[in-house]
């Protein structure tokens, strides 16, 4: 058996695991990342690429705890995209520099007044008709559109930007991976390489960024953090004359009725990727009922668009989060240390940089004694996940 002593082992090649690995390599840590599916599989690949600044959580007409906790995230990400931040994401593609909130005219005056208030002037602007995205410039649209200074990223390009520079340290694991626990400590990781050789890895810290997989990986840990799952049924649709849009409907509830982002599939055609309240409600419906509901909502919100001959599909995805007393969405990200185990649920794509800084604050300094890791060359590398609109 080959034995390796590393500084850190990371589980899960979503955005947080990749960001963590990047920062650790910058700081001189000997670290590897293990992924049992594919890079970006799960919540990261299923996300809409929205870098929230919290405005979505202000649809009740006030800034909630969630909206304030995430307010600084767009600027942190933007600095990284402009090569001025802690990591270089300059190769990542921005789908839209802004998101939009639109009202069909039925939103309460309290909410529309709030979004037009001086308090939000730097974060949200009411647009004139000729400033609106093309979709809303139709004469039949009589509502209002607000521009949010929160960008939308192409997730595939973000994952590629990370994995290109880190590919030698991101490995594909499978069922032969064994984790050996001693109460609140992970003693070592054991894996059988394709060559038939066994490898044993010990580390100062093991960081679990595997989303829903954390509960499985940590099932034998005494007093492991509990997880909750909040499912969504996300929808992908295309139709003749589809225009790209990145917008939330502004209604009378705390959630937008629909949140739409646009992505190009492998044929180069735009698809609408639909979340929001319809995704929440779709969990309790079968596929056919859900599709009918989504189309009904879109027709009601955008009656000037011809939704005939629409192609539609949907899938279920779980949002993995720390367990909350009421089962509701946590306001912030979650990072907890137990012995040499660090458990992470970022709760939102945008929170990744904050989470990673918390992780770094929990780690010992990197070892000055370097381990021969040449045996890792025989370990298969993880590949990129196929994103929902290309499946």
Protein backbone atom coordinates (compact mmCIF):
# COMPACT_ATOMS: atom_id res chain seq x y z
CA UNK A 1 0.00 0.00 0.00
CA UNK A 2 1.23 3.48 -0.93
CA UNK A 3 0.89 5.98 1.89
CA UNK A 4 0.62 9.75 1.37
CA UNK A 5 0.53 12.53 3.96
CA UNK A 6 -1.11 15.70 2.60
CA UNK A 7 -2.15 18.99 4.12
CA UNK A 8 -5.76 18.85 2.91
CA UNK A 9 -8.17 16.57 1.07
CA UNK A 10 -11.31 18.17 -0.40
CA UNK A 11 -14.47 16.26 -1.34
CA UNK A 12 -16.73 17.63 -4.07
CA UNK A 13 -15.84 19.44 -7.31
CA UNK A 14 -18.58 22.03 -7.19
CA UNK A 15 -17.82 25.73 -7.08
CA UNK A 16 -16.81 25.73 -3.40
CA UNK A 17 -14.52 22.72 -3.67
CA UNK A 18 -12.83 24.19 -6.75
CA UNK A 19 -12.46 27.64 -5.17
CA UNK A 20 -11.00 26.02 -2.03
CA UNK A 21 -8.47 23.97 -4.01
CA UNK A 22 -7.42 27.05 -5.97
CA UNK A 23 -6.79 29.10 -2.84
CA UNK A 24 -4.96 26.27 -1.08
CA UNK A 25 -2.60 25.86 -4.02
CA UNK A 26 -1.94 29.60 -3.95
CA UNK A 27 -1.02 29.34 -0.28
CA UNK A 28 1.34 26.39 -0.80
CA UNK A 29 -0.80 23.59 0.58
CA UNK A 30 -0.43 20.04 -0.65
CA UNK A 31 -4.06 19.39 -1.47
CA UNK A 32 -6.18 17.20 -3.72
CA UNK A 33 -9.87 17.20 -4.60
CA UNK A 34 -11.93 14.02 -4.94
CA UNK A 35 -15.14 13.89 -7.00
CA UNK A 36 -17.29 10.77 -7.41
CA UNK A 37 -19.35 12.06 -10.36
CA UNK A 38 -18.05 14.90 -12.51
CA UNK A 39 -16.81 18.46 -12.12
CA UNK A 40 -19.83 20.67 -11.51
CA UNK A 41 -22.30 17.79 -11.19
CA UNK A 42 -25.15 18.48 -8.79
CA UNK A 43 -26.10 21.90 -7.49
CA UNK A 44 -23.34 23.89 -9.21
CA UNK A 45 -24.14 22.59 -12.68
CA UNK A 46 -27.87 22.97 -12.07
CA UNK A 47 -27.57 26.57 -10.88
CA UNK A 48 -28.69 29.48 -13.02
CA UNK A 49 -25.33 31.23 -12.74
CA UNK A 50 -26.81 34.14 -10.79
CA UNK A 51 -24.37 36.02 -8.56
CA UNK A 52 -26.89 37.28 -6.06
CA UNK A 53 -26.55 40.55 -4.27
CA UNK A 54 -29.69 39.88 -2.27
CA UNK A 55 -32.25 41.90 -4.20
CA UNK A 56 -34.20 38.76 -5.04
CA UNK A 57 -34.78 38.36 -1.30
CA UNK A 58 -36.29 41.84 -0.96
CA UNK A 59 -39.55 41.09 -2.75
CA UNK A 60 -41.54 41.69 0.44
CA UNK A 61 -40.60 45.36 0.29
CA UNK A 62 -37.72 45.33 2.78
CA UNK A 63 -34.13 44.11 3.00
CA UNK A 64 -34.14 40.74 4.74
CA UNK A 65 -31.28 39.13 6.67
CA UNK A 66 -30.57 36.98 3.60
CA UNK A 67 -30.42 39.98 1.28
CA UNK A 68 -27.99 41.81 3.55
CA UNK A 69 -25.75 38.77 4.12
CA UNK A 70 -25.09 38.35 0.41
CA UNK A 71 -24.97 42.03 -0.62
CA UNK A 72 -21.19 42.23 -1.19
CA UNK A 73 -20.86 39.07 -3.27
CA UNK A 74 -21.23 40.60 -6.78
CA UNK A 75 -18.28 42.94 -6.16
CA UNK A 76 -16.06 40.09 -4.92
CA UNK A 77 -16.85 38.01 -8.00
CA UNK A 78 -16.46 40.98 -10.33
CA UNK A 79 -12.97 41.65 -8.99
CA UNK A 80 -12.01 38.04 -9.72
CA UNK A 81 -13.40 38.34 -13.26
CA UNK A 82 -11.30 41.50 -13.74
CA UNK A 83 -8.11 39.84 -12.36
CA UNK A 84 -8.22 42.08 -9.28
CA UNK A 85 -9.50 39.52 -6.81
CA UNK A 86 -8.15 36.59 -4.85
CA UNK A 87 -8.37 34.23 -7.84
CA UNK A 88 -8.28 34.69 -11.61
CA UNK A 89 -11.64 34.09 -13.29
CA UNK A 90 -10.87 36.23 -16.34
CA UNK A 91 -11.57 33.28 -18.66
CA UNK A 92 -15.12 32.91 -17.33
CA UNK A 93 -17.92 34.29 -19.50
CA UNK A 94 -20.48 36.81 -18.28
CA UNK A 95 -23.90 36.05 -19.76
CA UNK A 96 -25.39 39.30 -18.54
CA UNK A 97 -23.92 42.23 -16.61
CA UNK A 98 -27.28 42.72 -14.91
CA UNK A 99 -30.46 40.97 -13.88
CA UNK A 100 -33.90 42.45 -14.16
CA UNK A 101 -37.03 42.57 -12.05
CA UNK A 102 -40.22 43.05 -14.00
CA UNK A 103 -43.71 43.87 -12.82
CA UNK A 104 -46.77 43.06 -14.90
CA UNK A 105 -48.55 45.98 -13.26
CA UNK A 106 -50.09 43.89 -10.47
CA UNK A 107 -47.33 44.32 -7.89
CA UNK A 108 -48.25 46.34 -4.82
CA UNK A 109 -47.29 50.01 -4.65
CA UNK A 110 -45.35 49.21 -1.46
CA UNK A 111 -42.97 46.89 -3.32
CA UNK A 112 -42.55 49.03 -6.42
CA UNK A 113 -41.98 52.08 -4.23
CA UNK A 114 -39.35 50.19 -2.27
CA UNK A 115 -37.38 49.26 -5.37
CA UNK A 116 -37.51 52.85 -6.59
CA UNK A 117 -36.42 54.26 -3.21
CA UNK A 118 -33.20 56.17 -2.52
CA UNK A 119 -32.09 53.27 -0.31
CA UNK A 120 -31.66 51.04 -3.36
CA UNK A 121 -30.61 53.67 -5.91
CA UNK A 122 -27.09 52.26 -6.32
CA UNK A 123 -28.32 48.67 -6.63
CA UNK A 124 -31.55 48.94 -8.57
CA UNK A 125 -32.67 51.36 -11.32
CA UNK A 126 -36.10 51.80 -12.88
CA UNK A 127 -35.68 51.67 -16.66
CA UNK A 128 -37.33 53.72 -19.37
CA UNK A 129 -39.05 51.80 -22.17
CA UNK A 130 -36.12 52.19 -24.59
CA UNK A 131 -33.66 51.03 -21.89
CA UNK A 132 -35.48 47.77 -21.22
CA UNK A 133 -34.29 44.41 -22.55
CA UNK A 134 -35.71 43.72 -26.01
CA UNK A 135 -38.22 41.23 -24.63
CA UNK A 136 -40.01 43.98 -22.69
CA UNK A 137 -39.93 46.64 -25.41
CA UNK A 138 -43.03 45.15 -27.00
CA UNK A 139 -45.92 47.64 -27.00
CA UNK A 140 -48.11 45.09 -25.25
CA UNK A 141 -45.92 45.19 -22.12
CA UNK A 142 -47.36 47.80 -19.75
CA UNK A 143 -45.37 47.02 -16.60
CA UNK A 144 -42.14 48.26 -15.09
CA UNK A 145 -38.59 46.89 -15.32
CA UNK A 146 -35.85 47.42 -12.75
CA UNK A 147 -32.21 46.71 -13.49
CA UNK A 148 -30.27 44.95 -10.73
CA UNK A 149 -26.51 45.36 -10.61
CA UNK A 150 -26.06 41.61 -10.21
CA UNK A 151 -24.47 39.63 -13.03
CA UNK A 152 -25.18 36.18 -14.44
CA UNK A 153 -22.28 33.89 -15.34
CA UNK A 154 -21.89 31.02 -17.77
CA UNK A 155 -21.32 28.18 -15.29
CA UNK A 156 -19.53 25.94 -17.75
CA UNK A 157 -16.91 28.62 -18.41
CA UNK A 158 -16.46 29.19 -14.66
CA UNK A 159 -15.87 25.47 -14.10
CA UNK A 160 -13.47 25.37 -17.04
CA UNK A 161 -11.55 28.38 -15.73
CA UNK A 162 -10.97 26.52 -12.47
CA UNK A 163 -10.35 23.01 -13.76
CA UNK A 164 -7.86 23.93 -16.50
CA UNK A 165 -5.33 25.14 -13.98
CA UNK A 166 -6.13 22.49 -11.36
CA UNK A 167 -6.68 19.39 -13.48
CA UNK A 168 -3.65 17.57 -12.03
CA UNK A 169 -5.22 17.71 -8.56
CA UNK A 170 -8.87 16.78 -9.27
CA UNK A 171 -9.43 13.03 -9.15
CA UNK A 172 -12.38 10.79 -9.98
CA UNK A 173 -13.32 8.50 -7.11
CA UNK A 174 -15.77 5.61 -7.01
CA UNK A 175 -17.21 3.05 -4.60
CA UNK A 176 -13.74 1.72 -3.78
CA UNK A 177 -13.03 4.92 -1.86
CA UNK A 178 -13.16 4.14 1.86
CA UNK A 179 -13.24 6.71 4.64
CA UNK A 180 -12.02 5.50 8.03
CA UNK A 181 -13.46 7.52 10.92
CA UNK A 182 -12.68 7.59 14.63
CA UNK A 183 -15.69 9.40 16.16
CA UNK A 184 -15.20 13.08 15.13
CA UNK A 185 -11.94 12.47 13.28
CA UNK A 186 -11.22 11.11 9.83
CA UNK A 187 -8.18 8.88 10.29
CA UNK A 188 -7.42 8.19 6.63
CA UNK A 189 -8.83 7.69 3.13
CA UNK A 190 -8.21 4.46 1.26
CA UNK A 191 -8.61 3.94 -2.48
CA UNK A 192 -7.86 1.20 -4.99
CA UNK A 193 -6.22 2.58 -8.13
CA UNK A 194 -7.08 1.15 -11.58
CA UNK A 195 -3.68 -0.55 -11.50
CA UNK A 196 -4.87 -2.58 -8.53
CA UNK A 197 -2.57 -0.80 -6.12
CA UNK A 198 -3.97 0.55 -2.86
CA UNK A 199 -3.33 4.09 -1.70
CA UNK A 200 -3.77 5.43 1.83
CA UNK A 201 -4.04 9.18 2.40
CA UNK A 202 -3.81 10.95 5.72
CA UNK A 203 -4.19 14.71 6.02
CA UNK A 204 -4.27 17.49 8.57
CA UNK A 205 -7.74 18.44 7.37
CA UNK A 206 -10.53 16.95 5.28
CA UNK A 207 -12.95 19.48 3.77
CA UNK A 208 -16.41 18.26 2.72
CA UNK A 209 -17.91 20.43 -0.03
CA UNK A 210 -19.96 17.65 -1.62
CA UNK A 211 -23.40 19.20 -1.17
CA UNK A 212 -25.98 16.46 -0.83
CA UNK A 213 -23.12 13.95 -0.75
CA UNK A 214 -21.88 15.29 2.59
CA UNK A 215 -24.61 13.41 4.45
CA UNK A 216 -23.53 10.13 2.83
CA UNK A 217 -19.81 10.68 3.33
CA UNK A 218 -20.21 11.72 6.97
CA UNK A 219 -22.84 9.18 8.04
CA UNK A 220 -20.40 7.45 10.40
CA UNK A 221 -19.21 10.65 12.10
CA UNK A 222 -20.39 11.20 15.68
CA UNK A 223 -22.43 14.43 15.94
CA UNK A 224 -21.98 15.26 12.27
CA UNK A 225 -23.91 18.39 11.18
CA UNK A 226 -27.42 17.56 10.03
CA UNK A 227 -28.53 18.35 6.51
CA UNK A 228 -31.84 19.34 4.99
CA UNK A 229 -32.87 19.05 1.35
CA UNK A 230 -35.14 21.57 -0.33
CA UNK A 231 -36.01 20.21 -3.77
CA UNK A 232 -36.78 22.14 -6.96
CA UNK A 233 -38.14 21.11 -10.33
CA UNK A 234 -36.15 23.19 -12.82
CA UNK A 235 -37.47 23.66 -16.35
CA UNK A 236 -35.75 24.01 -19.71
CA UNK A 237 -37.73 25.33 -22.66
CA UNK A 238 -37.26 26.73 -26.13
CA UNK A 239 -39.62 28.07 -28.75
CA UNK A 240 -39.54 29.98 -32.02
CA UNK A 241 -38.11 33.47 -31.68
CA UNK A 242 -36.85 32.97 -28.13
CA UNK A 243 -34.95 36.02 -26.86
CA UNK A 244 -32.29 35.83 -24.12
CA UNK A 245 -33.41 37.24 -20.78
CA UNK A 246 -32.16 37.20 -17.19
CA UNK A 247 -35.07 38.28 -15.05
CA UNK A 248 -37.31 37.72 -12.03
CA UNK A 249 -41.02 38.44 -12.05
CA UNK A 250 -42.00 40.95 -9.38
CA UNK A 251 -45.24 39.89 -7.74
CA UNK A 252 -46.75 40.09 -4.29
CA UNK A 253 -44.90 37.15 -2.70
CA UNK A 254 -41.44 36.76 -1.20
CA UNK A 255 -40.39 34.62 -4.18
CA UNK A 256 -40.58 35.63 -7.85
CA UNK A 257 -43.23 33.68 -9.74
CA UNK A 258 -40.55 32.77 -12.27
CA UNK A 259 -36.82 33.39 -12.54
CA UNK A 260 -35.54 33.04 -16.09
CA UNK A 261 -31.95 32.78 -17.30
CA UNK A 262 -30.90 32.05 -20.87
CA UNK A 263 -28.22 29.63 -22.05
CA UNK A 264 -27.02 28.34 -25.40
CA UNK A 265 -27.29 24.61 -25.91
CA UNK A 266 -24.91 22.45 -27.93
CA UNK A 267 -26.74 23.47 -31.13
CA UNK A 268 -26.15 27.15 -30.39
CA UNK A 269 -29.85 27.82 -29.72
CA UNK A 270 -31.01 29.81 -26.71
CA UNK A 271 -33.04 28.01 -24.09
CA UNK A 272 -34.88 29.48 -21.13
CA UNK A 273 -33.95 27.95 -17.81
CA UNK A 274 -36.79 28.56 -15.39
CA UNK A 275 -36.75 28.60 -11.60
CA UNK A 276 -38.55 30.68 -8.98
CA UNK A 277 -41.86 29.82 -7.33
CA UNK A 278 -42.88 27.50 -10.18
CA UNK A 279 -39.80 25.39 -9.41
CA UNK A 280 -40.77 25.20 -5.74
CA UNK A 281 -44.36 24.23 -6.60
CA UNK A 282 -43.24 21.76 -9.28
CA UNK A 283 -41.94 19.35 -6.67
CA UNK A 284 -45.49 18.33 -5.75
CA UNK A 285 -46.58 17.90 -9.38
CA UNK A 286 -45.88 15.21 -11.92
CA UNK A 287 -43.93 16.21 -15.00
CA UNK A 288 -46.95 16.84 -17.24
CA UNK A 289 -48.76 18.92 -14.59
CA UNK A 290 -45.63 20.93 -13.93
CA UNK A 291 -45.05 21.69 -17.61
CA UNK A 292 -48.63 22.88 -18.01
CA UNK A 293 -48.23 25.09 -14.94
CA UNK A 294 -44.98 26.67 -16.18
CA UNK A 295 -46.45 27.48 -19.59
CA UNK A 296 -49.60 28.86 -17.95
CA UNK A 297 -47.52 31.15 -15.71
CA UNK A 298 -45.42 32.40 -18.62
CA UNK A 299 -48.48 33.11 -20.75
CA UNK A 300 -50.01 35.05 -17.89
CA UNK A 301 -46.83 37.03 -17.23
CA UNK A 302 -45.92 37.56 -20.92
CA UNK A 303 -49.16 37.51 -22.93
CA UNK A 304 -47.50 39.20 -25.91
CA UNK A 305 -45.21 36.19 -26.56
CA UNK A 306 -46.24 33.28 -28.75
CA UNK A 307 -45.49 30.12 -26.77
CA UNK A 308 -46.79 27.73 -29.44
CA UNK A 309 -44.72 24.68 -30.48
CA UNK A 310 -42.74 24.94 -27.28
CA UNK A 311 -40.18 22.29 -26.37
CA UNK A 312 -40.10 21.70 -22.65
CA UNK A 313 -38.36 19.38 -20.19
CA UNK A 314 -37.70 19.44 -16.45
CA UNK A 315 -35.76 17.67 -13.73
CA UNK A 316 -35.57 17.53 -9.95
CA UNK A 317 -32.57 18.86 -8.04
CA UNK A 318 -32.06 19.08 -4.29
CA UNK A 319 -30.66 22.12 -2.54
CA UNK A 320 -28.49 20.69 0.25
CA UNK A 321 -28.23 22.92 3.30
CA UNK A 322 -27.63 22.79 7.05
CA UNK A 323 -30.76 21.67 8.86
CA UNK A 324 -32.85 24.63 10.04
CA UNK A 325 -35.38 24.44 12.88
CA UNK A 326 -38.23 25.46 10.57
CA UNK A 327 -36.90 23.79 7.44
CA UNK A 328 -36.69 27.15 5.67
CA UNK A 329 -33.82 28.58 3.62
CA UNK A 330 -30.78 29.54 5.75
CA UNK A 331 -29.75 33.19 5.48
CA UNK A 332 -26.05 32.48 5.26
CA UNK A 333 -23.47 29.87 4.31
CA UNK A 334 -22.46 27.08 6.71
CA UNK A 335 -18.93 26.09 7.77
CA UNK A 336 -18.26 23.87 10.81
CA UNK A 337 -15.11 22.18 12.09
CA UNK A 338 -15.06 18.91 14.06
CA UNK A 339 -11.59 17.61 14.77
CA UNK A 340 -9.88 17.44 11.38
CA UNK A 341 -13.23 17.50 9.51
CA UNK A 342 -14.64 20.72 8.01
CA UNK A 343 -18.22 20.49 6.72
CA UNK A 344 -19.44 23.09 4.24
CA UNK A 345 -22.78 24.00 2.69
CA UNK A 346 -22.45 27.31 0.80
CA UNK A 347 -26.27 27.50 0.26
CA UNK A 348 -25.72 29.85 -2.71
CA UNK A 349 -23.23 29.88 -5.58
CA UNK A 350 -22.40 33.51 -4.77
CA UNK A 351 -21.22 32.68 -1.23
CA UNK A 352 -18.24 30.57 -2.40
CA UNK A 353 -15.48 33.17 -1.75
CA UNK A 354 -16.73 33.91 1.78
CA UNK A 355 -16.95 30.21 2.59
CA UNK A 356 -13.41 29.58 1.37
CA UNK A 357 -12.01 32.39 3.51
CA UNK A 358 -13.68 30.79 6.51
CA UNK A 359 -12.14 27.43 5.61
CA UNK A 360 -8.67 28.95 5.29
CA UNK A 361 -9.04 30.46 8.75
CA UNK A 362 -9.52 26.97 10.20
CA UNK A 363 -6.51 25.28 8.57
CA UNK A 364 -3.06 24.77 10.00
CA UNK A 365 -0.21 26.32 8.06
CA UNK A 366 0.97 24.21 5.09
CA UNK A 367 3.63 21.63 5.79
CA UNK A 368 7.18 22.56 4.84
CA UNK A 369 7.99 18.90 4.21
CA UNK A 370 6.75 17.92 0.77
CA UNK A 371 5.40 14.45 0.02
CA UNK A 372 6.23 12.50 -3.13
CA UNK A 373 2.87 12.40 -4.91
CA UNK A 374 3.99 10.72 -8.13
CA UNK A 375 1.70 7.75 -7.40
CA UNK A 376 -1.25 10.09 -8.02
CA UNK A 377 -0.38 10.18 -11.73
CA UNK A 378 -2.09 6.81 -12.07
CA UNK A 379 -5.31 8.07 -10.46
CA UNK A 380 -8.01 8.92 -13.09
CA UNK A 381 -8.88 12.60 -13.41
CA UNK A 382 -12.44 13.88 -13.00
CA UNK A 383 -14.16 15.06 -16.18
CA UNK A 384 -16.55 17.97 -16.73
CA UNK A 385 -20.23 17.43 -16.10
CA UNK A 386 -22.76 17.97 -18.90
CA UNK A 387 -24.99 20.88 -17.96
CA UNK A 388 -28.80 20.47 -18.00
CA UNK A 389 -29.48 22.31 -21.29
CA UNK A 390 -27.01 20.01 -23.10
CA UNK A 391 -28.39 16.72 -21.82
